[in-house]
């Protein structure tokens, strides 16, 4: 399984978790919803995702600083990998933000 498939599966899992009662088939794009109540607040889930992206970026920055300082325990591959993970997580967060803004604008433009 490549990295993109892994990320898509993780996003589907987060979407299913955010919906609380959303079934696995709904996470795959179908619109079947289970009868369970949501177990988490959307704002809390979004905040935890932003915190996780921030933690990833801080870890990458710290690892990079350690490598620049000449720490023998840190190798270049780990630094590059952590920087790429941080970049990818940030890009994903930006795309989620763009989708949320787009959905908000669509809802606000609906005729009542």
PDB file of N, CA and C in Angstrom:
ATOM      1  N   UNK A   1       0.855  -1.172   0.000  1.00  0.00           N
ATOM      2  CA  UNK A   1       0.000   0.000   0.000  1.00  0.00           C
ATOM      3  C   UNK A   1       0.900   1.233   0.000  1.00  0.00           C
ATOM      4  N   UNK A   2       0.653   2.157  -0.912  1.00  0.00           N
ATOM      5  CA  UNK A   2       1.515   3.334  -0.967  1.00  0.00           C
ATOM      6  C   UNK A   2       1.051   4.390   0.035  1.00  0.00           C
ATOM      7  N   UNK A   3       1.843   5.441   0.145  1.00  0.00           N
ATOM      8  CA  UNK A   3       1.584   6.484   1.147  1.00  0.00           C
ATOM      9  C   UNK A   3       0.257   7.200   0.917  1.00  0.00           C
ATOM     10  N   UNK A   4      -0.110   7.398  -0.344  1.00  0.00           N
ATOM     11  CA  UNK A   4      -1.361   8.107  -0.629  1.00  0.00           C
ATOM     12  C   UNK A   4      -2.555   7.276  -0.185  1.00  0.00           C
ATOM     13  N   UNK A   5      -2.521   5.972  -0.462  1.00  0.00           N
ATOM     14  CA  UNK A   5      -3.601   5.099  -0.006  1.00  0.00           C
ATOM     15  C   UNK A   5      -3.690   5.085   1.513  1.00  0.00           C
ATOM     16  N   UNK A   6      -2.534   5.064   2.161  1.00  0.00           N
ATOM     17  CA  UNK A   6      -2.498   5.085   3.612  1.00  0.00           C
ATOM     18  C   UNK A   6      -3.132   6.364   4.151  1.00  0.00           C
ATOM     19  N   UNK A   7      -2.791   7.507   3.538  1.00  0.00           N
ATOM     20  CA  UNK A   7      -3.344   8.781   3.982  1.00  0.00           C
ATOM     21  C   UNK A   7      -4.855   8.839   3.742  1.00  0.00           C
ATOM     22  N   UNK A   8      -5.298   8.348   2.590  1.00  0.00           N
ATOM     23  CA  UNK A   8      -6.733   8.342   2.293  1.00  0.00           C
ATOM     24  C   UNK A   8      -7.470   7.484   3.316  1.00  0.00           C
ATOM     25  N   UNK A   9      -6.904   6.332   3.650  1.00  0.00           N
ATOM     26  CA  UNK A   9      -7.530   5.474   4.663  1.00  0.00           C
ATOM     27  C   UNK A   9      -7.569   6.149   6.024  1.00  0.00           C
ATOM     28  N   UNK A  10      -6.503   6.884   6.375  1.00  0.00           N
ATOM     29  CA  UNK A  10      -6.496   7.604   7.641  1.00  0.00           C
ATOM     30  C   UNK A  10      -7.539   8.707   7.644  1.00  0.00           C
ATOM     31  N   UNK A  11      -7.672   9.426   6.531  1.00  0.00           N
ATOM     32  CA  UNK A  11      -8.680  10.476   6.450  1.00  0.00           C
ATOM     33  C   UNK A  11     -10.081   9.893   6.551  1.00  0.00           C
ATOM     34  N   UNK A  12     -10.297   8.748   5.928  1.00  0.00           N
ATOM     35  CA  UNK A  12     -11.605   8.100   6.034  1.00  0.00           C
ATOM     36  C   UNK A  12     -11.891   7.676   7.469  1.00  0.00           C
ATOM     37  N   UNK A  13     -10.867   7.174   8.152  1.00  0.00           N
ATOM     38  CA  UNK A  13     -11.046   6.765   9.545  1.00  0.00           C
ATOM     39  C   UNK A  13     -11.371   7.968  10.422  1.00  0.00           C
ATOM     40  N   UNK A  14     -10.692   9.092  10.191  1.00  0.00           N
ATOM     41  CA  UNK A  14     -10.975  10.311  10.952  1.00  0.00           C
ATOM     42  C   UNK A  14     -12.371  10.813  10.640  1.00  0.00           C
ATOM     43  N   UNK A  15     -12.774  10.736   9.368  1.00  0.00           N
ATOM     44  CA  UNK A  15     -14.121  11.169   8.999  1.00  0.00           C
ATOM     45  C   UNK A  15     -15.165  10.293   9.664  1.00  0.00           C
ATOM     46  N   UNK A  16     -14.909   8.993   9.719  1.00  0.00           N
ATOM     47  CA  UNK A  16     -15.840   8.088  10.389  1.00  0.00           C
ATOM     48  C   UNK A  16     -15.888   8.372  11.882  1.00  0.00           C
ATOM     49  N   UNK A  17     -14.732   8.675  12.467  1.00  0.00           N
ATOM     50  CA  UNK A  17     -14.675   8.991  13.891  1.00  0.00           C
ATOM     51  C   UNK A  17     -15.375  10.317  14.172  1.00  0.00           C
ATOM     52  N   UNK A  18     -15.210  11.285  13.278  1.00  0.00           N
ATOM     53  CA  UNK A  18     -15.843  12.594  13.464  1.00  0.00           C
ATOM     54  C   UNK A  18     -17.353  12.483  13.405  1.00  0.00           C
ATOM     55  N   UNK A  19     -17.828  11.605  12.557  1.00  0.00           N
ATOM     56  CA  UNK A  19     -19.262  11.410  12.436  1.00  0.00           C
ATOM     57  C   UNK A  19     -19.833  10.577  13.551  1.00  0.00           C
ATOM     58  N   UNK A  20     -19.001   9.923  14.303  1.00  0.00           N
ATOM     59  CA  UNK A  20     -19.465   9.101  15.409  1.00  0.00           C
ATOM     60  C   UNK A  20     -20.223   7.884  14.936  1.00  0.00           C
ATOM     61  N   UNK A  21     -21.391   8.086  14.358  1.00  0.00           N
ATOM     62  CA  UNK A  21     -22.221   6.975  13.936  1.00  0.00           C
ATOM     63  C   UNK A  21     -22.087   6.670  12.463  1.00  0.00           C
ATOM     64  N   UNK A  22     -21.134   7.210  11.782  1.00  0.00           N
ATOM     65  CA  UNK A  22     -20.986   6.968  10.359  1.00  0.00           C
ATOM     66  C   UNK A  22     -20.405   5.579  10.158  1.00  0.00           C
ATOM     67  N   UNK A  23     -21.056   4.802   9.324  1.00  0.00           N
ATOM     68  CA  UNK A  23     -20.586   3.445   9.083  1.00  0.00           C
ATOM     69  C   UNK A  23     -19.371   3.445   8.176  1.00  0.00           C
ATOM     70  N   UNK A  24     -18.726   2.301   8.050  1.00  0.00           N
ATOM     71  CA  UNK A  24     -17.531   2.195   7.209  1.00  0.00           C
ATOM     72  C   UNK A  24     -17.873   2.460   5.753  1.00  0.00           C
ATOM     73  N   UNK A  25     -19.055   2.030   5.305  1.00  0.00           N
ATOM     74  CA  UNK A  25     -19.425   2.274   3.913  1.00  0.00           C
ATOM     75  C   UNK A  25     -19.669   3.756   3.671  1.00  0.00           C
ATOM     76  N   UNK A  26     -20.131   4.474   4.668  1.00  0.00           N
ATOM     77  CA  UNK A  26     -20.309   5.918   4.506  1.00  0.00           C
ATOM     78  C   UNK A  26     -18.967   6.615   4.411  1.00  0.00           C
ATOM     79  N   UNK A  27     -17.980   6.101   5.102  1.00  0.00           N
ATOM     80  CA  UNK A  27     -16.649   6.679   5.013  1.00  0.00           C
ATOM     81  C   UNK A  27     -16.070   6.487   3.622  1.00  0.00           C
ATOM     82  N   UNK A  28     -16.552   5.512   2.878  1.00  0.00           N
ATOM     83  CA  UNK A  28     -16.101   5.280   1.519  1.00  0.00           C
ATOM     84  C   UNK A  28     -16.907   6.071   0.508  1.00  0.00           C
ATOM     85  N   UNK A  29     -17.715   6.995   0.934  1.00  0.00           N
ATOM     86  CA  UNK A  29     -18.440   7.849   0.016  1.00  0.00           C
ATOM     87  C   UNK A  29     -19.924   7.556  -0.044  1.00  0.00           C
ATOM     88  N   UNK A  30     -20.380   6.495   0.607  1.00  0.00           N
ATOM     89  CA  UNK A  30     -21.802   6.199   0.607  1.00  0.00           C
ATOM     90  C   UNK A  30     -22.474   7.011   1.698  1.00  0.00           C
ATOM     91  N   UNK A  31     -23.776   7.143   1.635  1.00  0.00           N
ATOM     92  CA  UNK A  31     -24.460   8.030   2.565  1.00  0.00           C
ATOM     93  C   UNK A  31     -25.310   7.277   3.588  1.00  0.00           C
ATOM     94  N   UNK A  32     -24.839   6.131   4.035  1.00  0.00           N
ATOM     95  CA  UNK A  32     -25.550   5.395   5.074  1.00  0.00           C
ATOM     96  C   UNK A  32     -25.047   5.852   6.430  1.00  0.00           C
ATOM     97  N   UNK A  33     -25.974   6.225   7.305  1.00  0.00           N
ATOM     98  CA  UNK A  33     -25.597   6.707   8.628  1.00  0.00           C
ATOM     99  C   UNK A  33     -26.226   5.801   9.675  1.00  0.00           C
ATOM    100  N   UNK A  34     -25.436   5.378  10.633  1.00  0.00           N
ATOM    101  CA  UNK A  34     -25.939   4.548  11.720  1.00  0.00           C
ATOM    102  C   UNK A  34     -26.726   5.418  12.692  1.00  0.00           C
ATOM    103  N   UNK A  35     -27.389   4.808  13.638  1.00  0.00           N
ATOM    104  CA  UNK A  35     -28.255   5.544  14.547  1.00  0.00           C
ATOM    105  C   UNK A  35     -27.556   6.000  15.812  1.00  0.00           C
ATOM    106  N   UNK A  36     -26.256   5.771  15.949  1.00  0.00           N
ATOM    107  CA  UNK A  36     -25.546   6.174  17.154  1.00  0.00           C
ATOM    108  C   UNK A  36     -25.339   7.690  17.171  1.00  0.00           C
ATOM    109  N   UNK A  37     -25.293   8.258  18.382  1.00  0.00           N
ATOM    110  CA  UNK A  37     -25.022   9.686  18.541  1.00  0.00           C
ATOM    111  C   UNK A  37     -23.526   9.930  18.380  1.00  0.00           C
ATOM    112  N   UNK A  38     -23.141  11.120  17.899  1.00  0.00           N
ATOM    113  CA  UNK A  38     -21.714  11.418  17.778  1.00  0.00           C
ATOM    114  C   UNK A  38     -21.041  11.364  19.142  1.00  0.00           C
ATOM    115  N   UNK A  39     -19.841  10.781  19.170  1.00  0.00           N
ATOM    116  CA  UNK A  39     -19.157  10.622  20.448  1.00  0.00           C
ATOM    117  C   UNK A  39     -18.196  11.763  20.735  1.00  0.00           C
ATOM    118  N   UNK A  40     -17.851  12.574  19.716  1.00  0.00           N
ATOM    119  CA  UNK A  40     -16.937  13.682  19.914  1.00  0.00           C
ATOM    120  C   UNK A  40     -17.497  14.943  19.269  1.00  0.00           C
ATOM    121  N   UNK A  41     -17.123  16.056  19.840  1.00  0.00           N
ATOM    122  CA  UNK A  41     -17.484  17.342  19.280  1.00  0.00           C
ATOM    123  C   UNK A  41     -16.574  17.619  18.083  1.00  0.00           C
ATOM    124  N   UNK A  42     -17.144  18.151  16.995  1.00  0.00           N
ATOM    125  CA  UNK A  42     -16.364  18.418  15.788  1.00  0.00           C
ATOM    126  C   UNK A  42     -15.243  19.406  16.070  1.00  0.00           C
ATOM    127  N   UNK A  43     -15.519  20.426  16.855  1.00  0.00           N
ATOM    128  CA  UNK A  43     -14.495  21.428  17.167  1.00  0.00           C
ATOM    129  C   UNK A  43     -13.324  20.797  17.917  1.00  0.00           C
ATOM    130  N   UNK A  44     -13.625  19.872  18.841  1.00  0.00           N
ATOM    131  CA  UNK A  44     -12.560  19.199  19.577  1.00  0.00           C
ATOM    132  C   UNK A  44     -11.731  18.316  18.645  1.00  0.00           C
ATOM    133  N   UNK A  45     -12.396  17.637  17.723  1.00  0.00           N
ATOM    134  CA  UNK A  45     -11.696  16.785  16.774  1.00  0.00           C
ATOM    135  C   UNK A  45     -10.805  17.615  15.860  1.00  0.00           C
ATOM    136  N   UNK A  46     -11.316  18.740  15.408  1.00  0.00           N
ATOM    137  CA  UNK A  46     -10.534  19.632  14.546  1.00  0.00           C
ATOM    138  C   UNK A  46      -9.344  20.206  15.305  1.00  0.00           C
ATOM    139  N   UNK A  47      -9.554  20.592  16.550  1.00  0.00           N
ATOM    140  CA  UNK A  47      -8.466  21.126  17.371  1.00  0.00           C
ATOM    141  C   UNK A  47      -7.390  20.072  17.599  1.00  0.00           C
ATOM    142  N   UNK A  48      -7.791  18.841  17.851  1.00  0.00           N
ATOM    143  CA  UNK A  48      -6.800  17.785  18.057  1.00  0.00           C
ATOM    144  C   UNK A  48      -6.018  17.515  16.781  1.00  0.00           C
ATOM    145  N   UNK A  49      -6.659  17.616  15.622  1.00  0.00           N
ATOM    146  CA  UNK A  49      -5.948  17.438  14.348  1.00  0.00           C
ATOM    147  C   UNK A  49      -4.929  18.552  14.139  1.00  0.00           C
ATOM    148  N   UNK A  50      -5.319  19.784  14.446  1.00  0.00           N
ATOM    149  CA  UNK A  50      -4.391  20.918  14.312  1.00  0.00           C
ATOM    150  C   UNK A  50      -3.230  20.761  15.293  1.00  0.00           C
ATOM    151  N   UNK A  51      -3.536  20.317  16.509  1.00  0.00           N
ATOM    152  CA  UNK A  51      -2.475  20.088  17.502  1.00  0.00           C
ATOM    153  C   UNK A  51      -1.507  19.006  17.038  1.00  0.00           C
ATOM    154  N   UNK A  52      -2.036  17.970  16.410  1.00  0.00           N
ATOM    155  CA  UNK A  52      -1.183  16.884  15.913  1.00  0.00           C
ATOM    156  C   UNK A  52      -0.264  17.378  14.783  1.00  0.00           C
ATOM    157  N   UNK A  53      -0.798  18.214  13.900  1.00  0.00           N
ATOM    158  CA  UNK A  53       0.026  18.793  12.831  1.00  0.00           C
ATOM    159  C   UNK A  53       1.110  19.678  13.441  1.00  0.00           C
ATOM    160  N   UNK A  54       0.736  20.465  14.426  1.00  0.00           N
ATOM    161  CA  UNK A  54       1.704  21.329  15.098  1.00  0.00           C
ATOM    162  C   UNK A  54       2.798  20.501  15.764  1.00  0.00           C
ATOM    163  N   UNK A  55       2.415  19.407  16.431  1.00  0.00           N
ATOM    164  CA  UNK A  55       3.388  18.535  17.080  1.00  0.00           C
ATOM    165  C   UNK A  55       4.334  17.920  16.052  1.00  0.00           C
ATOM    166  N   UNK A  56       3.802  17.527  14.914  1.00  0.00           N
ATOM    167  CA  UNK A  56       4.629  16.952  13.854  1.00  0.00           C
ATOM    168  C   UNK A  56       5.647  17.964  13.357  1.00  0.00           C
ATOM    169  N   UNK A  57       5.211  19.213  13.194  1.00  0.00           N
ATOM    170  CA  UNK A  57       6.130  20.248  12.729  1.00  0.00           C
ATOM    171  C   UNK A  57       7.182  20.581  13.786  1.00  0.00           C
ATOM    172  N   UNK A  58       6.786  20.634  15.046  1.00  0.00           N
ATOM    173  CA  UNK A  58       7.756  20.903  16.109  1.00  0.00           C
ATOM    174  C   UNK A  58       8.785  19.785  16.230  1.00  0.00           C
ATOM    175  N   UNK A  59       8.323  18.538  16.111  1.00  0.00           N
ATOM    176  CA  UNK A  59       9.246  17.400  16.162  1.00  0.00           C
ATOM    177  C   UNK A  59      10.240  17.452  15.000  1.00  0.00           C
ATOM    178  N   UNK A  60       9.747  17.790  13.811  1.00  0.00           N
ATOM    179  CA  UNK A  60      10.628  17.878  12.645  1.00  0.00           C
ATOM    180  C   UNK A  60      11.649  18.999  12.822  1.00  0.00           C
ATOM    181  N   UNK A  61      11.195  20.130  13.352  1.00  0.00           N
ATOM    182  CA  UNK A  61      12.106  21.258  13.578  1.00  0.00           C
ATOM    183  C   UNK A  61      13.173  20.894  14.615  1.00  0.00           C
ATOM    184  N   UNK A  62      12.752  20.197  15.668  1.00  0.00           N
ATOM    185  CA  UNK A  62      13.696  19.793  16.710  1.00  0.00           C
ATOM    186  C   UNK A  62      14.720  18.794  16.169  1.00  0.00           C
ATOM    187  N   UNK A  63      14.262  17.829  15.388  1.00  0.00           N
ATOM    188  CA  UNK A  63      15.165  16.851  14.805  1.00  0.00           C
ATOM    189  C   UNK A  63      16.147  17.516  13.841  1.00  0.00           C
ATOM    190  N   UNK A  64      15.654  18.476  13.087  1.00  0.00           N
ATOM    191  CA  UNK A  64      16.510  19.224  12.164  1.00  0.00           C
ATOM    192  C   UNK A  64      17.570  20.018  12.925  1.00  0.00           C
ATOM    193  N   UNK A  65      17.165  20.641  14.006  1.00  0.00           N
ATOM    194  CA  UNK A  65      18.114  21.409  14.821  1.00  0.00           C
ATOM    195  C   UNK A  65      19.178  20.508  15.434  1.00  0.00           C
ATOM    196  N   UNK A  66      18.767  19.333  15.882  1.00  0.00           N
ATOM    197  CA  UNK A  66      19.724  18.384  16.450  1.00  0.00           C
ATOM    198  C   UNK A  66      20.732  17.927  15.392  1.00  0.00           C
ATOM    199  N   UNK A  67      20.248  17.699  14.170  1.00  0.00           N
ATOM    200  CA  UNK A  67      21.159  17.287  13.101  1.00  0.00           C
ATOM    201  C   UNK A  67      22.147  18.400  12.758  1.00  0.00           C
ATOM    202  N   UNK A  68      21.621  19.643  12.710  1.00  0.00           N
ATOM    203  CA  UNK A  68      22.486  20.792  12.409  1.00  0.00           C
ATOM    204  C   UNK A  68      23.534  20.997  13.497  1.00  0.00           C
ATOM    205  N   UNK A  69      23.182  20.658  14.729  1.00  0.00           N
ATOM    206  CA  UNK A  69      24.125  20.817  15.846  1.00  0.00           C
ATOM    207  C   UNK A  69      25.170  19.709  15.868  1.00  0.00           C
ATOM    208  N   UNK A  70      25.025  18.711  15.003  1.00  0.00           N
ATOM    209  CA  UNK A  70      26.024  17.655  14.930  1.00  0.00           C
ATOM    210  C   UNK A  70      25.757  16.477  15.831  1.00  0.00           C
ATOM    211  N   UNK A  71      24.522  16.304  16.271  1.00  0.00           N
ATOM    212  CA  UNK A  71      24.166  15.164  17.113  1.00  0.00           C
ATOM    213  C   UNK A  71      24.388  13.875  16.318  1.00  0.00           C
ATOM    214  N   UNK A  72      25.237  13.007  16.840  1.00  0.00           N
ATOM    215  CA  UNK A  72      25.596  11.773  16.130  1.00  0.00           C
ATOM    216  C   UNK A  72      24.452  10.762  16.097  1.00  0.00           C
ATOM    217  N   UNK A  73      23.473  10.891  16.981  1.00  0.00           N
ATOM    218  CA  UNK A  73      22.350   9.950  17.036  1.00  0.00           C
ATOM    219  C   UNK A  73      21.282  10.235  15.984  1.00  0.00           C
ATOM    220  N   UNK A  74      21.352  11.397  15.333  1.00  0.00           N
ATOM    221  CA  UNK A  74      20.349  11.788  14.352  1.00  0.00           C
ATOM    222  C   UNK A  74      20.968  11.665  12.966  1.00  0.00           C
ATOM    223  N   UNK A  75      20.305  10.886  12.097  1.00  0.00           N
ATOM    224  CA  UNK A  75      20.839  10.765  10.746  1.00  0.00           C
ATOM    225  C   UNK A  75      19.992  11.564   9.759  1.00  0.00           C
ATOM    226  N   UNK A  76      20.536  11.803   8.597  1.00  0.00           N
ATOM    227  CA  UNK A  76      19.898  12.654   7.590  1.00  0.00           C
ATOM    228  C   UNK A  76      18.571  12.075   7.114  1.00  0.00           C
ATOM    229  N   UNK A  77      18.485  10.764   6.990  1.00  0.00           N
ATOM    230  CA  UNK A  77      17.250  10.145   6.514  1.00  0.00           C
ATOM    231  C   UNK A  77      16.092  10.421   7.463  1.00  0.00           C
ATOM    232  N   UNK A  78      16.344  10.355   8.762  1.00  0.00           N
ATOM    233  CA  UNK A  78      15.287  10.643   9.735  1.00  0.00           C
ATOM    234  C   UNK A  78      14.849  12.098   9.658  1.00  0.00           C
ATOM    235  N   UNK A  79      15.792  12.987   9.448  1.00  0.00           N
ATOM    236  CA  UNK A  79      15.480  14.414   9.343  1.00  0.00           C
ATOM    237  C   UNK A  79      14.619  14.673   8.119  1.00  0.00           C
ATOM    238  N   UNK A  80      15.027  14.147   6.969  1.00  0.00           N
ATOM    239  CA  UNK A  80      14.282  14.354   5.730  1.00  0.00           C
ATOM    240  C   UNK A  80      12.890  13.742   5.839  1.00  0.00           C
ATOM    241  N   UNK A  81      12.802  12.551   6.406  1.00  0.00           N
ATOM    242  CA  UNK A  81      11.509  11.892   6.567  1.00  0.00           C
ATOM    243  C   UNK A  81      10.580  12.697   7.473  1.00  0.00           C
ATOM    244  N   UNK A  82      11.095  13.184   8.580  1.00  0.00           N
ATOM    245  CA  UNK A  82      10.253  13.957   9.500  1.00  0.00           C
ATOM    246  C   UNK A  82       9.825  15.287   8.873  1.00  0.00           C
ATOM    247  N   UNK A  83      10.706  15.912   8.111  1.00  0.00           N
ATOM    248  CA  UNK A  83      10.334  17.157   7.436  1.00  0.00           C
ATOM    249  C   UNK A  83       9.268  16.923   6.365  1.00  0.00           C
ATOM    250  N   UNK A  84       9.365  15.805   5.656  1.00  0.00           N
ATOM    251  CA  UNK A  84       8.358  15.481   4.652  1.00  0.00           C
ATOM    252  C   UNK A  84       7.012  15.149   5.298  1.00  0.00           C
ATOM    253  N   UNK A  85       7.038  14.439   6.427  1.00  0.00           N
ATOM    254  CA  UNK A  85       5.800  14.149   7.149  1.00  0.00           C
ATOM    255  C   UNK A  85       5.138  15.439   7.618  1.00  0.00           C
ATOM    256  N   UNK A  86       5.943  16.356   8.131  1.00  0.00           N
ATOM    257  CA  UNK A  86       5.410  17.635   8.600  1.00  0.00           C
ATOM    258  C   UNK A  86       4.810  18.426   7.439  1.00  0.00           C
ATOM    259  N   UNK A  87       5.499  18.427   6.318  1.00  0.00           N
ATOM    260  CA  UNK A  87       5.005  19.144   5.145  1.00  0.00           C
ATOM    261  C   UNK A  87       3.703  18.538   4.631  1.00  0.00           C
ATOM    262  N   UNK A  88       3.659  17.222   4.547  1.00  0.00           N
ATOM    263  CA  UNK A  88       2.464  16.540   4.070  1.00  0.00           C
ATOM    264  C   UNK A  88       1.282  16.744   5.008  1.00  0.00           C
ATOM    265  N   UNK A  89       1.530  16.684   6.306  1.00  0.00           N
ATOM    266  CA  UNK A  89       0.436  16.891   7.254  1.00  0.00           C
ATOM    267  C   UNK A  89      -0.082  18.325   7.185  1.00  0.00           C
ATOM    268  N   UNK A  90       0.814  19.291   6.979  1.00  0.00           N
ATOM    269  CA  UNK A  90       0.375  20.674   6.855  1.00  0.00           C
ATOM    270  C   UNK A  90      -0.433  20.880   5.576  1.00  0.00           C
ATOM    271  N   UNK A  91       0.032  20.303   4.477  1.00  0.00           N
ATOM    272  CA  UNK A  91      -0.707  20.426   3.215  1.00  0.00           C
ATOM    273  C   UNK A  91      -2.086  19.794   3.329  1.00  0.00           C
ATOM    274  N   UNK A  92      -2.172  18.667   4.020  1.00  0.00           N
ATOM    275  CA  UNK A  92      -3.459  18.014   4.224  1.00  0.00           C
ATOM    276  C   UNK A  92      -4.378  18.897   5.061  1.00  0.00           C
ATOM    277  N   UNK A  93      -3.831  19.506   6.098  1.00  0.00           N
ATOM    278  CA  UNK A  93      -4.626  20.393   6.937  1.00  0.00           C
ATOM    279  C   UNK A  93      -5.148  21.587   6.133  1.00  0.00           C
ATOM    280  N   UNK A  94      -4.325  22.139   5.266  1.00  0.00           N
ATOM    281  CA  UNK A  94      -4.746  23.263   4.430  1.00  0.00           C
ATOM    282  C   UNK A  94      -5.876  22.828   3.496  1.00  0.00           C
ATOM    283  N   UNK A  95      -5.772  21.634   2.925  1.00  0.00           N
ATOM    284  CA  UNK A  95      -6.826  21.149   2.037  1.00  0.00           C
ATOM    285  C   UNK A  95      -8.134  20.918   2.798  1.00  0.00           C
ATOM    286  N   UNK A  96      -8.036  20.411   4.021  1.00  0.00           N
ATOM    287  CA  UNK A  96      -9.243  20.235   4.844  1.00  0.00           C
ATOM    288  C   UNK A  96      -9.861  21.592   5.147  1.00  0.00           C
ATOM    289  N   UNK A  97      -9.017  22.576   5.480  1.00  0.00           N
ATOM    290  CA  UNK A  97      -9.522  23.927   5.726  1.00  0.00           C
ATOM    291  C   UNK A  97     -10.226  24.473   4.493  1.00  0.00           C
ATOM    292  N   UNK A  98      -9.627  24.274   3.317  1.00  0.00           N
ATOM    293  CA  UNK A  98     -10.241  24.752   2.080  1.00  0.00           C
ATOM    294  C   UNK A  98     -11.596  24.098   1.842  1.00  0.00           C
ATOM    295  N   UNK A  99     -11.695  22.807   2.116  1.00  0.00           N
ATOM    296  CA  UNK A  99     -12.971  22.106   1.956  1.00  0.00           C
ATOM    297  C   UNK A  99     -14.012  22.620   2.956  1.00  0.00           C
ATOM    298  N   UNK A 100     -13.580  22.887   4.179  1.00  0.00           N
ATOM    299  CA  UNK A 100     -14.512  23.418   5.178  1.00  0.00           C
ATOM    300  C   UNK A 100     -15.023  24.802   4.794  1.00  0.00           C
ATOM    301  N   UNK A 101     -14.131  25.639   4.310  1.00  0.00           N
ATOM    302  CA  UNK A 101     -14.537  26.982   3.877  1.00  0.00           C
ATOM    303  C   UNK A 101     -15.489  26.881   2.695  1.00  0.00           C
ATOM    304  N   UNK A 102     -15.187  25.998   1.761  1.00  0.00           N
ATOM    305  CA  UNK A 102     -16.047  25.808   0.601  1.00  0.00           C
ATOM    306  C   UNK A 102     -17.428  25.310   1.021  1.00  0.00           C
ATOM    307  N   UNK A 103     -17.470  24.360   1.949  1.00  0.00           N
ATOM    308  CA  UNK A 103     -18.756  23.854   2.436  1.00  0.00           C
ATOM    309  C   UNK A 103     -19.531  24.939   3.168  1.00  0.00           C
ATOM    310  N   UNK A 104     -18.837  25.737   3.959  1.00  0.00           N
ATOM    311  CA  UNK A 104     -19.488  26.837   4.674  1.00  0.00           C
ATOM    312  C   UNK A 104     -20.089  27.834   3.686  1.00  0.00           C
ATOM    313  N   UNK A 105     -19.314  28.189   2.663  1.00  0.00           N
ATOM    314  CA  UNK A 105     -19.819  29.136   1.668  1.00  0.00           C
ATOM    315  C   UNK A 105     -21.021  28.570   0.926  1.00  0.00           C
ATOM    316  N   UNK A 106     -20.981  27.288   0.639  1.00  0.00           N
ATOM    317  CA  UNK A 106     -22.102  26.646  -0.046  1.00  0.00           C
ATOM    318  C   UNK A 106     -23.352  26.678   0.819  1.00  0.00           C
ATOM    319  N   UNK A 107     -23.200  26.396   2.098  1.00  0.00           N
ATOM    320  CA  UNK A 107     -24.343  26.415   3.017  1.00  0.00           C
ATOM    321  C   UNK A 107     -24.885  27.830   3.139  1.00  0.00           C
ATOM    322  N   UNK A 108     -23.991  28.812   3.222  1.00  0.00           N
ATOM    323  CA  UNK A 108     -24.434  30.199   3.364  1.00  0.00           C
ATOM    324  C   UNK A 108     -25.138  30.715   2.101  1.00  0.00           C
ATOM    325  N   UNK A 109     -24.852  30.131   0.948  1.00  0.00           N
ATOM    326  CA  UNK A 109     -25.477  30.564  -0.296  1.00  0.00           C
ATOM    327  C   UNK A 109     -26.764  29.819  -0.594  1.00  0.00           C
ATOM    328  N   UNK A 110     -27.152  28.874   0.284  1.00  0.00           N
ATOM    329  CA  UNK A 110     -28.381  28.127   0.066  1.00  0.00           C
ATOM    330  C   UNK A 110     -29.588  29.032   0.254  1.00  0.00           C
ATOM    331  N   UNK A 111     -30.582  28.827  -0.588  1.00  0.00           N
ATOM    332  CA  UNK A 111     -31.832  29.567  -0.452  1.00  0.00           C
ATOM    333  C   UNK A 111     -32.695  28.859   0.589  1.00  0.00           C
ATOM    334  N   UNK A 112     -33.282  29.653   1.477  1.00  0.00           N
ATOM    335  CA  UNK A 112     -34.115  29.069   2.534  1.00  0.00           C
ATOM    336  C   UNK A 112     -35.564  29.125   2.143  1.00  0.00           C
TER     337      UNK A 112
END
